[in-house]
Amino acid sequence: MRQHGWWIALTPAVALVTVLATVVVAELAPRRRSAGTRPYGAVVSTWLPRLAAFFPVALLVAVRGPDVFGSDSGQRTLVGWAGIAGTMLTLPAAMAVTAAAAGRLLTRWGRSWGLAGTLVAGRRASTHPGSTARLVTGVTVALIVLLQAVAWQGLFGAQSADAQRTLDRIGRSALTVGARGDVSDTDMTTFLSRLPDGTDAVLLAGTTEGAGRMDLYGDCPALATLHLRCPASTARVSGAPDDPRLGEVIRRTPHQTLVTEIHRTGLRTLAHRAAGATEDASLLLVRRDGRALPVAAVKRLAYEVFPRGARATVPGEDELTAGVPNRDQGRWSALLGLVGVGVLTVAAGLSAMAEFLRHGRALAPLSVLTGGIRVFRVSAAWSVFMPLLLAALAGSTVAAALADPVSESDDAFLTRRLTSSAAGTVLLIGVLMWAWAATVAARQAHLWRPRGD
């Protein structure tokens, strides 16, 4: 952002010039005459219901369409994107048709109970569904794009998020140590014998029999620390271990072993196997009391004993560190996306407010007939606030449904807090626009005077 600061600063000026030029060109362009008195309304009333009818199909294709293809198929992503594009196109139409149907109910309700503001708002909503579609389009598209961007960014940061959850669950109560270069049995024996008090060590190593099996070597105190039965020589355990520290280490192995072969060994045997272990093996250190290990002391001991030192890391620490850029980029996406949703909602609210005031001039005589300005508040609520409320609720719900297949699970940056924040931003701006529109309309009504037309 600092590198392109000048371009960012010039963006509002360029947008202003572009809008003004577009307005001038549109005003100077020759207009086509039409024989009908309501050409736009007739066209809108024809294509909006047809477009709205495709909304359930588009949503189903976006959510379930990718499941038809395999996980490695390129068609999976294309079908999902096509469904999302179709949902963006048809959702505003579906909301406009819904608002028009609700407008007819409001009309009957206002006529039955003598509610002038409700009657006027219902008539307007049922007669001009295109106005509702224009109002909600920008907001719903912004919500969908925001959650899509955050969900896709979450895929790149999923490993970092998973590593953070591992750290939250077990903290630094487990440590994997891997010596750099070749070490002798004597060096490894010295290292194991000089571990901090209350620290046990076991060796986890993969087997040559294929995925799904792992060998675990340790003495009885170390096995008891990991809640494992100490066998006479060898025992086999299936399924996930009871100890969360061992479970996290095994879960983070490439094959996520389902069978663990437990071997009871002494200190010298363990040191011999650990010294000659391959890269897929790891020396796991745990504390008997379950508290955090003295990482600094272990690292200091490794550099004192081993010729080239050793790597001592918490399970998942490498993925956590490597995923920091993706995590931060995801936060920027969420922050700037919420700002963008707010800006688009303000623009949509101003457009709705201007259109309401343009039609609201005809409501001025009603303030004399009804004896108050309540008609403006009610009409502004149904004309300005309710469409934004519908856009916030339906838009955030549909956006979350579209982003759920992308995120695959709650591992991504997509959270309920983000969704509720986006919807809350739209609702807050909708309330402010409602109050502003009602105030300006009431002020116009106070200035109205009857004229002899």
Protein backbone atom coordinates (compact mmCIF):
# COMPACT_ATOMS: atom_id res chain seq x y z
CA MET A 1 0.00 0.00 0.00
CA ARG A 2 2.87 2.37 0.73
CA GLN A 3 4.43 1.57 -2.64
CA HIS A 4 1.25 2.51 -4.51
CA GLY A 5 0.12 5.26 -2.14
CA TRP A 6 -0.10 7.94 -4.82
CA TRP A 7 -2.38 5.81 -6.99
CA ILE A 8 -4.57 5.03 -4.01
CA ALA A 9 -4.83 8.71 -3.11
CA LEU A 10 -5.82 9.60 -6.71
CA THR A 11 -8.51 6.91 -6.89
CA PRO A 12 -11.35 9.05 -5.38
CA ALA A 13 -10.57 11.92 -7.77
CA VAL A 14 -10.52 9.58 -10.77
CA ALA A 15 -13.81 8.02 -9.64
CA LEU A 16 -15.40 11.47 -9.29
CA VAL A 17 -14.30 12.55 -12.77
CA THR A 18 -15.48 9.25 -14.25
CA VAL A 19 -18.92 9.51 -12.67
CA LEU A 20 -19.36 13.13 -13.75
CA ALA A 21 -18.29 12.33 -17.30
CA THR A 22 -20.67 9.39 -17.43
CA VAL A 23 -23.57 11.55 -16.23
CA VAL A 24 -22.82 14.27 -18.79
CA VAL A 25 -22.55 11.77 -21.64
CA ALA A 26 -25.77 10.09 -20.57
CA GLU A 27 -27.59 13.43 -20.48
CA LEU A 28 -26.30 14.48 -23.92
CA ALA A 29 -27.05 11.15 -25.57
CA PRO A 30 -30.24 11.07 -27.68
CA ARG A 31 -33.07 9.23 -25.98
CA ARG A 32 -35.27 6.71 -27.73
CA ARG A 33 -38.94 7.45 -27.61
CA SER A 34 -41.39 4.79 -26.56
CA ALA A 35 -45.08 4.56 -27.22
CA GLY A 36 -45.80 3.00 -23.82
CA THR A 37 -46.36 4.99 -20.67
CA ARG A 38 -44.45 2.51 -18.44
CA PRO A 39 -41.91 0.79 -20.68
CA TYR A 40 -39.36 0.12 -17.93
CA GLY A 41 -41.91 -1.16 -15.47
CA ALA A 42 -43.36 -3.50 -18.06
CA VAL A 43 -39.96 -4.93 -18.95
CA VAL A 44 -38.90 -5.33 -15.32
CA SER A 45 -42.13 -7.04 -14.36
CA THR A 46 -41.48 -9.56 -17.15
CA TRP A 47 -37.84 -10.56 -16.65
CA LEU A 48 -37.45 -10.25 -12.89
CA PRO A 49 -39.70 -13.24 -11.98
CA ARG A 50 -38.05 -15.34 -14.68
CA LEU A 51 -34.60 -14.49 -13.40
CA ALA A 52 -35.65 -15.10 -9.80
CA ALA A 53 -36.88 -18.58 -10.70
CA PHE A 54 -33.28 -19.62 -11.50
CA PHE A 55 -31.97 -18.61 -8.07
CA PRO A 56 -32.55 -22.00 -6.34
CA VAL A 57 -30.93 -23.78 -9.30
CA ALA A 58 -27.89 -21.51 -9.27
CA LEU A 59 -27.49 -21.87 -5.50
CA LEU A 60 -27.75 -25.66 -5.73
CA VAL A 61 -25.14 -25.76 -8.49
CA ALA A 62 -22.78 -23.56 -6.45
CA VAL A 63 -23.12 -25.57 -3.24
CA ARG A 64 -23.54 -29.14 -4.49
CA GLY A 65 -22.37 -28.99 -8.09
CA PRO A 66 -18.65 -29.45 -7.33
CA ASP A 67 -19.41 -32.69 -5.44
CA VAL A 68 -20.34 -34.35 -8.73
CA PHE A 69 -16.73 -34.18 -9.87
CA GLY A 70 -13.65 -35.63 -8.22
CA SER A 71 -11.47 -33.64 -5.87
CA ASP A 72 -8.66 -33.52 -8.48
CA SER A 73 -10.89 -32.52 -11.40
CA GLY A 74 -10.51 -29.05 -12.87
CA GLN A 75 -14.23 -28.99 -13.64
CA ARG A 76 -14.97 -28.90 -9.92
CA THR A 77 -13.75 -25.32 -9.54
CA LEU A 78 -15.31 -24.14 -12.80
CA VAL A 79 -18.74 -25.49 -11.84
CA GLY A 80 -18.49 -23.84 -8.44
CA TRP A 81 -17.56 -20.49 -9.94
CA ALA A 82 -20.38 -20.75 -12.49
CA GLY A 83 -22.85 -21.43 -9.70
CA ILE A 84 -21.55 -18.49 -7.68
CA ALA A 85 -21.85 -16.17 -10.69
CA GLY A 86 -25.39 -17.39 -11.31
CA THR A 87 -26.27 -16.85 -7.66
CA MET A 88 -24.93 -13.29 -7.77
CA LEU A 89 -27.06 -12.60 -10.83
CA THR A 90 -30.29 -14.16 -9.60
CA LEU A 91 -30.26 -13.37 -5.86
CA PRO A 92 -31.20 -9.66 -6.24
CA ALA A 93 -34.05 -10.65 -8.56
CA ALA A 94 -35.32 -13.21 -6.04
CA MET A 95 -35.18 -10.62 -3.28
CA ALA A 96 -36.99 -8.06 -5.45
CA VAL A 97 -39.76 -10.53 -6.26
CA THR A 98 -40.04 -11.40 -2.57
CA ALA A 99 -40.23 -7.71 -1.68
CA ALA A 100 -42.93 -7.19 -4.32
CA ALA A 101 -45.00 -10.03 -2.86
CA ALA A 102 -44.51 -8.57 0.61
CA GLY A 103 -45.54 -5.17 -0.79
CA ARG A 104 -48.91 -6.56 -1.84
CA LEU A 105 -49.44 -7.88 1.68
CA LEU A 106 -48.44 -4.49 3.11
CA THR A 107 -50.90 -2.81 0.80
CA ARG A 108 -53.78 -4.92 2.05
CA TRP A 109 -52.62 -4.51 5.64
CA GLY A 110 -52.32 -0.73 5.33
CA ARG A 111 -55.73 -0.46 3.66
CA SER A 112 -57.39 -2.62 6.31
CA TRP A 113 -55.94 -0.76 9.29
CA GLY A 114 -55.81 2.72 7.82
CA LEU A 115 -51.99 2.93 7.88
CA ALA A 116 -51.04 5.52 5.28
CA GLY A 117 -47.29 4.98 5.42
CA THR A 118 -47.59 1.21 5.16
CA LEU A 119 -50.06 1.53 2.28
CA VAL A 120 -47.77 3.86 0.32
CA ALA A 121 -44.67 1.73 0.96
CA GLY A 122 -46.50 -1.45 -0.03
CA ARG A 123 -47.76 0.12 -3.25
CA ARG A 124 -44.26 1.31 -4.13
CA ALA A 125 -42.60 -2.03 -3.36
CA SER A 126 -45.10 -4.02 -5.41
CA THR A 127 -45.10 -1.57 -8.32
CA HIS A 128 -41.35 -0.94 -8.59
CA PRO A 129 -39.49 -4.23 -7.89
CA GLY A 130 -36.62 -2.99 -10.04
CA SER A 131 -35.90 -0.32 -7.43
CA THR A 132 -35.47 -3.01 -4.78
CA ALA A 133 -33.24 -5.05 -7.09
CA ARG A 134 -30.97 -2.06 -7.74
CA LEU A 135 -30.75 -1.34 -4.02
CA VAL A 136 -29.78 -4.83 -2.87
CA THR A 137 -27.54 -5.85 -5.79
CA GLY A 138 -24.41 -4.00 -4.68
CA VAL A 139 -24.76 -5.10 -1.07
CA THR A 140 -25.37 -8.80 -1.78
CA VAL A 141 -22.59 -9.00 -4.36
CA ALA A 142 -20.21 -7.29 -1.92
CA LEU A 143 -21.06 -9.77 0.83
CA ILE A 144 -20.57 -12.75 -1.47
CA VAL A 145 -17.26 -11.45 -2.81
CA LEU A 146 -16.02 -10.66 0.71
CA LEU A 147 -16.67 -14.14 2.10
CA GLN A 148 -15.33 -15.77 -1.06
CA ALA A 149 -12.08 -13.81 -0.80
CA VAL A 150 -11.69 -14.62 2.88
CA ALA A 151 -12.51 -18.30 2.33
CA TRP A 152 -10.03 -18.71 -0.52
CA GLN A 153 -7.37 -16.92 1.48
CA GLY A 154 -8.21 -19.25 4.34
CA LEU A 155 -7.25 -22.23 2.17
CA PHE A 156 -3.70 -20.89 1.93
CA GLY A 157 -3.60 -20.32 5.68
CA ALA A 158 -5.33 -23.54 6.72
CA GLN A 159 -2.09 -25.24 7.76
CA SER A 160 -1.13 -22.24 9.88
CA ALA A 161 -4.57 -22.21 11.51
CA ASP A 162 -4.35 -25.95 12.21
CA ALA A 163 -0.89 -25.51 13.75
CA GLN A 164 -2.21 -22.71 15.95
CA ARG A 165 -4.97 -24.98 17.23
CA THR A 166 -2.35 -27.64 18.02
CA LEU A 167 -0.41 -25.07 20.02
CA ASP A 168 -3.60 -24.01 21.79
CA ARG A 169 -4.40 -27.61 22.74
CA ILE A 170 -1.03 -28.85 23.99
CA GLY A 171 1.05 -25.68 24.29
CA ARG A 172 4.76 -26.47 24.77
CA SER A 173 4.16 -29.65 26.72
CA ALA A 174 5.66 -31.68 23.84
CA LEU A 175 8.84 -31.11 21.88
CA THR A 176 10.32 -32.94 18.89
CA VAL A 177 14.10 -33.02 18.63
CA GLY A 178 16.06 -33.88 15.50
CA ALA A 179 19.85 -33.87 15.58
CA ARG A 180 21.60 -32.23 12.64
CA GLY A 181 24.08 -34.44 10.85
CA ASP A 182 25.44 -37.73 12.13
CA VAL A 183 25.62 -38.29 15.88
CA SER A 184 27.12 -41.14 17.83
CA ASP A 185 25.39 -43.39 20.32
CA THR A 186 27.49 -41.79 23.06
CA ASP A 187 26.29 -38.28 22.18
CA MET A 188 22.66 -39.38 22.12
CA THR A 189 23.04 -41.24 25.42
CA THR A 190 24.56 -38.13 27.00
CA PHE A 191 21.72 -36.00 25.66
CA LEU A 192 19.00 -38.33 26.98
CA SER A 193 20.64 -38.72 30.39
CA ARG A 194 21.03 -34.96 30.87
CA LEU A 195 17.45 -33.99 30.02
CA PRO A 196 15.75 -31.65 32.54
CA ASP A 197 14.20 -33.30 35.57
CA GLY A 198 10.77 -34.76 34.97
CA THR A 199 11.30 -35.06 31.18
CA ASP A 200 10.84 -38.35 29.34
CA ALA A 201 11.75 -39.23 25.76
CA VAL A 202 10.28 -41.66 23.21
CA LEU A 203 11.19 -42.28 19.59
CA LEU A 204 8.55 -42.29 16.85
CA ALA A 205 9.60 -43.87 13.57
CA GLY A 206 7.77 -44.89 10.43
CA THR A 207 8.00 -48.42 9.09
CA THR A 208 8.73 -49.83 5.66
CA GLU A 209 5.44 -51.72 5.64
CA GLY A 210 3.54 -48.77 4.19
CA ALA A 211 1.29 -46.09 5.54
CA GLY A 212 -0.85 -46.64 8.58
CA ARG A 213 1.81 -48.02 10.93
CA MET A 214 4.34 -46.44 13.25
CA ASP A 215 6.85 -47.78 15.77
CA LEU A 216 7.21 -46.20 19.20
CA TYR A 217 10.24 -46.91 21.40
CA GLY A 218 10.51 -45.94 25.06
CA ASP A 219 10.99 -47.16 28.62
CA CYS A 220 8.19 -47.81 31.08
CA PRO A 221 8.22 -44.34 32.76
CA ALA A 222 7.99 -42.62 29.36
CA LEU A 223 5.17 -44.91 28.21
CA ALA A 224 3.30 -44.31 31.46
CA THR A 225 3.66 -40.53 30.91
CA LEU A 226 1.93 -40.97 27.54
CA HIS A 227 -0.82 -43.12 29.12
CA LEU A 228 0.40 -46.25 27.33
CA ARG A 229 0.66 -49.74 28.79
CA CYS A 230 4.25 -50.90 29.25
CA PRO A 231 4.52 -54.29 27.48
CA ALA A 232 6.96 -57.04 28.27
CA SER A 233 8.60 -56.50 24.89
CA THR A 234 6.18 -55.37 22.13
CA ALA A 235 2.49 -54.51 21.93
CA ARG A 236 0.21 -53.15 19.22
CA VAL A 237 -2.30 -50.34 19.75
CA SER A 238 -4.95 -49.35 17.21
CA GLY A 239 -6.71 -46.04 16.88
CA ALA A 240 -5.90 -42.63 18.28
CA PRO A 241 -3.90 -42.52 21.53
CA ASP A 242 -5.41 -41.17 24.73
CA ASP A 243 -2.61 -38.70 25.41
CA PRO A 244 -3.27 -35.46 23.45
CA ARG A 245 0.45 -34.75 23.03
CA LEU A 246 1.13 -38.06 21.34
CA GLY A 247 -2.12 -37.72 19.39
CA GLU A 248 -1.11 -34.35 17.96
CA VAL A 249 2.32 -35.62 16.90
CA ILE A 250 0.83 -38.68 15.19
CA ARG A 251 -1.93 -36.61 13.58
CA ARG A 252 0.66 -34.36 12.00
CA THR A 253 2.59 -37.23 10.42
CA PRO A 254 2.06 -37.61 6.65
CA HIS A 255 0.17 -40.91 6.92
CA GLN A 256 -1.65 -40.25 10.24
CA THR A 257 -0.96 -43.74 11.52
CA LEU A 258 -3.83 -45.95 12.69
CA VAL A 259 -1.67 -48.67 14.26
CA THR A 260 1.17 -48.03 16.69
CA GLU A 261 3.70 -50.76 17.49
CA ILE A 262 4.99 -50.12 21.04
CA HIS A 263 8.48 -51.38 21.88
CA ARG A 264 9.83 -51.38 25.40
CA THR A 265 13.47 -50.28 25.35
CA GLY A 266 16.14 -49.13 27.75
CA LEU A 267 18.19 -45.97 27.60
CA ARG A 268 21.05 -47.38 25.54
CA THR A 269 18.78 -49.08 23.02
CA LEU A 270 16.71 -45.93 22.68
CA ALA A 271 19.86 -43.84 22.18
CA HIS A 272 21.16 -46.28 19.55
CA ARG A 273 17.90 -46.18 17.56
CA ALA A 274 17.60 -42.40 17.90
CA ALA A 275 21.19 -41.86 16.73
CA GLY A 276 20.65 -43.94 13.61
CA ALA A 277 17.10 -42.78 12.92
CA THR A 278 16.12 -41.50 9.49
CA GLU A 279 14.48 -38.16 8.69
CA ASP A 280 10.96 -39.53 9.12
CA ALA A 281 11.70 -40.39 12.78
CA SER A 282 11.42 -37.91 15.62
CA LEU A 283 12.50 -37.89 19.22
CA LEU A 284 9.54 -36.77 21.31
CA LEU A 285 10.11 -35.13 24.70
CA VAL A 286 7.27 -34.80 27.23
CA ARG A 287 6.99 -33.81 30.86
CA ARG A 288 5.50 -36.15 33.43
CA ASP A 289 3.43 -33.41 35.03
CA GLY A 290 2.06 -32.24 31.66
CA ARG A 291 3.43 -28.73 32.00
CA ALA A 292 5.43 -26.79 29.39
CA LEU A 293 8.93 -28.00 28.64
CA PRO A 294 11.95 -25.73 29.18
CA VAL A 295 12.57 -25.25 25.46
CA ALA A 296 15.57 -22.98 25.95
CA ALA A 297 17.29 -25.49 28.25
CA VAL A 298 16.70 -28.34 25.80
CA LYS A 299 18.13 -26.32 22.90
CA ARG A 300 21.14 -25.31 24.99
CA LEU A 301 21.77 -28.96 25.90
CA ALA A 302 21.49 -30.03 22.24
CA TYR A 303 24.13 -27.52 21.16
CA GLU A 304 26.42 -28.61 23.99
CA VAL A 305 26.18 -32.33 23.19
CA PHE A 306 25.67 -32.70 19.43
CA PRO A 307 28.42 -31.53 17.06
CA ARG A 308 26.04 -29.56 14.82
CA GLY A 309 23.25 -28.96 17.30
CA ALA A 310 19.64 -30.03 16.82
CA ARG A 311 16.23 -28.72 15.86
CA ALA A 312 13.85 -28.58 18.79
CA THR A 313 10.34 -27.54 17.76
CA VAL A 314 6.81 -27.73 19.11
CA PRO A 315 4.54 -29.90 16.92
CA GLY A 316 3.23 -27.72 14.09
CA GLU A 317 5.59 -24.84 14.76
CA ASP A 318 7.04 -24.94 11.24
CA GLU A 319 3.61 -24.65 9.62
CA LEU A 320 2.65 -21.88 12.02
CA THR A 321 5.67 -19.77 11.16
CA ALA A 322 5.39 -20.36 7.41
CA GLY A 323 1.70 -19.46 7.44
CA VAL A 324 2.10 -16.04 9.08
CA PRO A 325 2.03 -14.13 5.73
CA ASN A 326 -1.13 -15.95 4.64
CA ARG A 327 -2.68 -15.31 8.04
CA ASP A 328 -1.92 -11.60 7.87
CA GLN A 329 -3.14 -11.35 4.29
CA GLY A 330 -6.38 -12.98 5.37
CA ARG A 331 -6.81 -10.36 8.07
CA TRP A 332 -6.22 -7.58 5.55
CA SER A 333 -8.79 -9.18 3.23
CA ALA A 334 -11.36 -9.20 6.01
CA LEU A 335 -10.62 -5.62 7.10
CA LEU A 336 -10.60 -4.06 3.64
CA GLY A 337 -13.57 -6.20 2.63
CA LEU A 338 -15.65 -4.91 5.53
CA VAL A 339 -14.70 -1.35 4.57
CA GLY A 340 -15.75 -2.09 0.99
CA VAL A 341 -19.08 -3.53 2.12
CA GLY A 342 -19.66 -0.40 4.19
CA VAL A 343 -18.88 1.91 1.27
CA LEU A 344 -21.16 0.01 -1.11
CA THR A 345 -23.93 -0.04 1.48
CA VAL A 346 -23.65 3.74 1.93
CA ALA A 347 -23.82 4.18 -1.85
CA ALA A 348 -26.87 1.91 -2.08
CA GLY A 349 -28.48 3.67 0.88
CA LEU A 350 -27.93 7.10 -0.67
CA SER A 351 -29.45 5.88 -3.93
CA ALA A 352 -32.47 4.47 -2.10
CA MET A 353 -32.81 7.63 -0.07
CA ALA A 354 -32.69 9.83 -3.18
CA GLU A 355 -35.31 7.70 -4.90
CA PHE A 356 -37.50 7.74 -1.80
CA LEU A 357 -37.28 11.52 -1.54
CA ARG A 358 -38.08 11.89 -5.22
CA HIS A 359 -41.26 9.88 -4.71
CA GLY A 360 -41.66 11.31 -1.22
CA ARG A 361 -42.55 14.77 -2.45
CA ALA A 362 -45.95 13.37 -3.31
CA LEU A 363 -46.35 12.35 0.34
CA ALA A 364 -46.16 15.92 1.59
CA PRO A 365 -49.95 16.52 1.43
CA LEU A 366 -50.45 13.39 3.57
CA SER A 367 -48.87 15.16 6.52
CA VAL A 368 -51.83 17.53 6.48
CA LEU A 369 -54.37 14.74 6.11
CA THR A 370 -52.84 12.45 8.74
CA GLY A 371 -51.94 15.22 11.14
CA GLY A 372 -48.29 14.23 11.63
CA ILE A 373 -45.07 13.06 10.08
CA ARG A 374 -45.32 9.43 11.16
CA VAL A 375 -46.19 8.52 7.60
CA PHE A 376 -42.68 9.48 6.50
CA ARG A 377 -40.99 7.37 9.16
CA VAL A 378 -43.06 4.31 8.32
CA SER A 379 -42.70 4.76 4.57
CA ALA A 380 -38.94 5.35 4.86
CA ALA A 381 -38.62 2.25 7.04
CA TRP A 382 -40.27 0.03 4.44
CA SER A 383 -38.62 1.74 1.45
CA VAL A 384 -35.04 2.26 2.69
CA PHE A 385 -34.36 0.16 5.79
CA MET A 386 -36.25 -3.05 5.01
CA PRO A 387 -34.49 -3.70 1.66
CA LEU A 388 -31.12 -3.22 3.37
CA LEU A 389 -32.26 -5.51 6.21
CA LEU A 390 -33.25 -8.13 3.64
CA ALA A 391 -29.91 -7.70 1.87
CA ALA A 392 -27.99 -8.09 5.14
CA LEU A 393 -29.80 -11.24 6.26
CA ALA A 394 -30.27 -13.01 2.94
CA GLY A 395 -26.96 -11.81 1.52
CA SER A 396 -24.87 -12.93 4.49
CA THR A 397 -26.68 -16.27 4.68
CA VAL A 398 -26.24 -17.04 0.99
CA ALA A 399 -22.64 -15.78 1.06
CA ALA A 400 -21.81 -18.09 3.96
CA ALA A 401 -23.45 -21.03 2.17
CA LEU A 402 -21.41 -20.32 -0.97
CA ALA A 403 -18.17 -19.99 0.98
CA ASP A 404 -18.67 -23.14 3.04
CA PRO A 405 -17.62 -25.59 0.26
CA VAL A 406 -14.50 -23.48 -0.33
CA SER A 407 -13.47 -23.40 3.31
CA GLU A 408 -14.12 -27.18 3.62
CA SER A 409 -14.29 -26.82 7.42
CA ASP A 410 -14.08 -24.21 10.15
CA ASP A 411 -10.27 -24.26 9.73
CA ALA A 412 -10.38 -21.20 7.47
CA PHE A 413 -10.58 -17.55 8.35
CA LEU A 414 -14.33 -17.68 7.69
CA THR A 415 -15.94 -17.25 11.11
CA ARG A 416 -19.34 -16.35 12.46
CA ARG A 417 -17.83 -13.17 13.84
CA LEU A 418 -16.87 -12.02 10.34
CA THR A 419 -20.28 -12.89 8.90
CA SER A 420 -22.13 -11.15 11.72
CA SER A 421 -19.82 -8.13 11.44
CA ALA A 422 -20.57 -7.76 7.73
CA ALA A 423 -24.32 -8.13 8.28
CA GLY A 424 -24.18 -5.76 11.27
CA THR A 425 -22.38 -3.13 9.18
CA VAL A 426 -25.15 -3.23 6.59
CA LEU A 427 -27.85 -3.05 9.27
CA LEU A 428 -26.22 -0.12 11.04
CA ILE A 429 -25.91 1.86 7.82
CA GLY A 430 -29.50 0.95 6.97
CA VAL A 431 -30.74 2.38 10.28
CA LEU A 432 -28.79 5.61 9.70
CA MET A 433 -30.13 5.94 6.15
CA TRP A 434 -33.67 5.31 7.38
CA ALA A 435 -33.40 8.04 10.00
CA TRP A 436 -31.84 10.45 7.51
CA ALA A 437 -34.46 9.80 4.81
CA ALA A 438 -37.34 10.20 7.28
CA THR A 439 -35.88 13.44 8.65
CA VAL A 440 -35.34 14.99 5.21
CA ALA A 441 -38.79 13.92 4.01
CA ALA A 442 -40.41 15.40 7.11
CA ARG A 443 -38.48 18.63 6.57
CA GLN A 444 -39.76 18.80 3.00
CA ALA A 445 -43.29 18.23 4.25
CA HIS A 446 -43.00 21.20 6.61
CA LEU A 447 -42.03 23.39 3.66
CA TRP A 448 -44.89 22.19 1.48
CA ARG A 449 -47.60 24.69 0.62
CA PRO A 450 -50.71 24.07 -1.54
CA ARG A 451 -50.59 25.62 -4.98
CA GLY A 452 -53.32 26.30 -7.48
CA ASP A 453 -52.27 23.85 -10.21
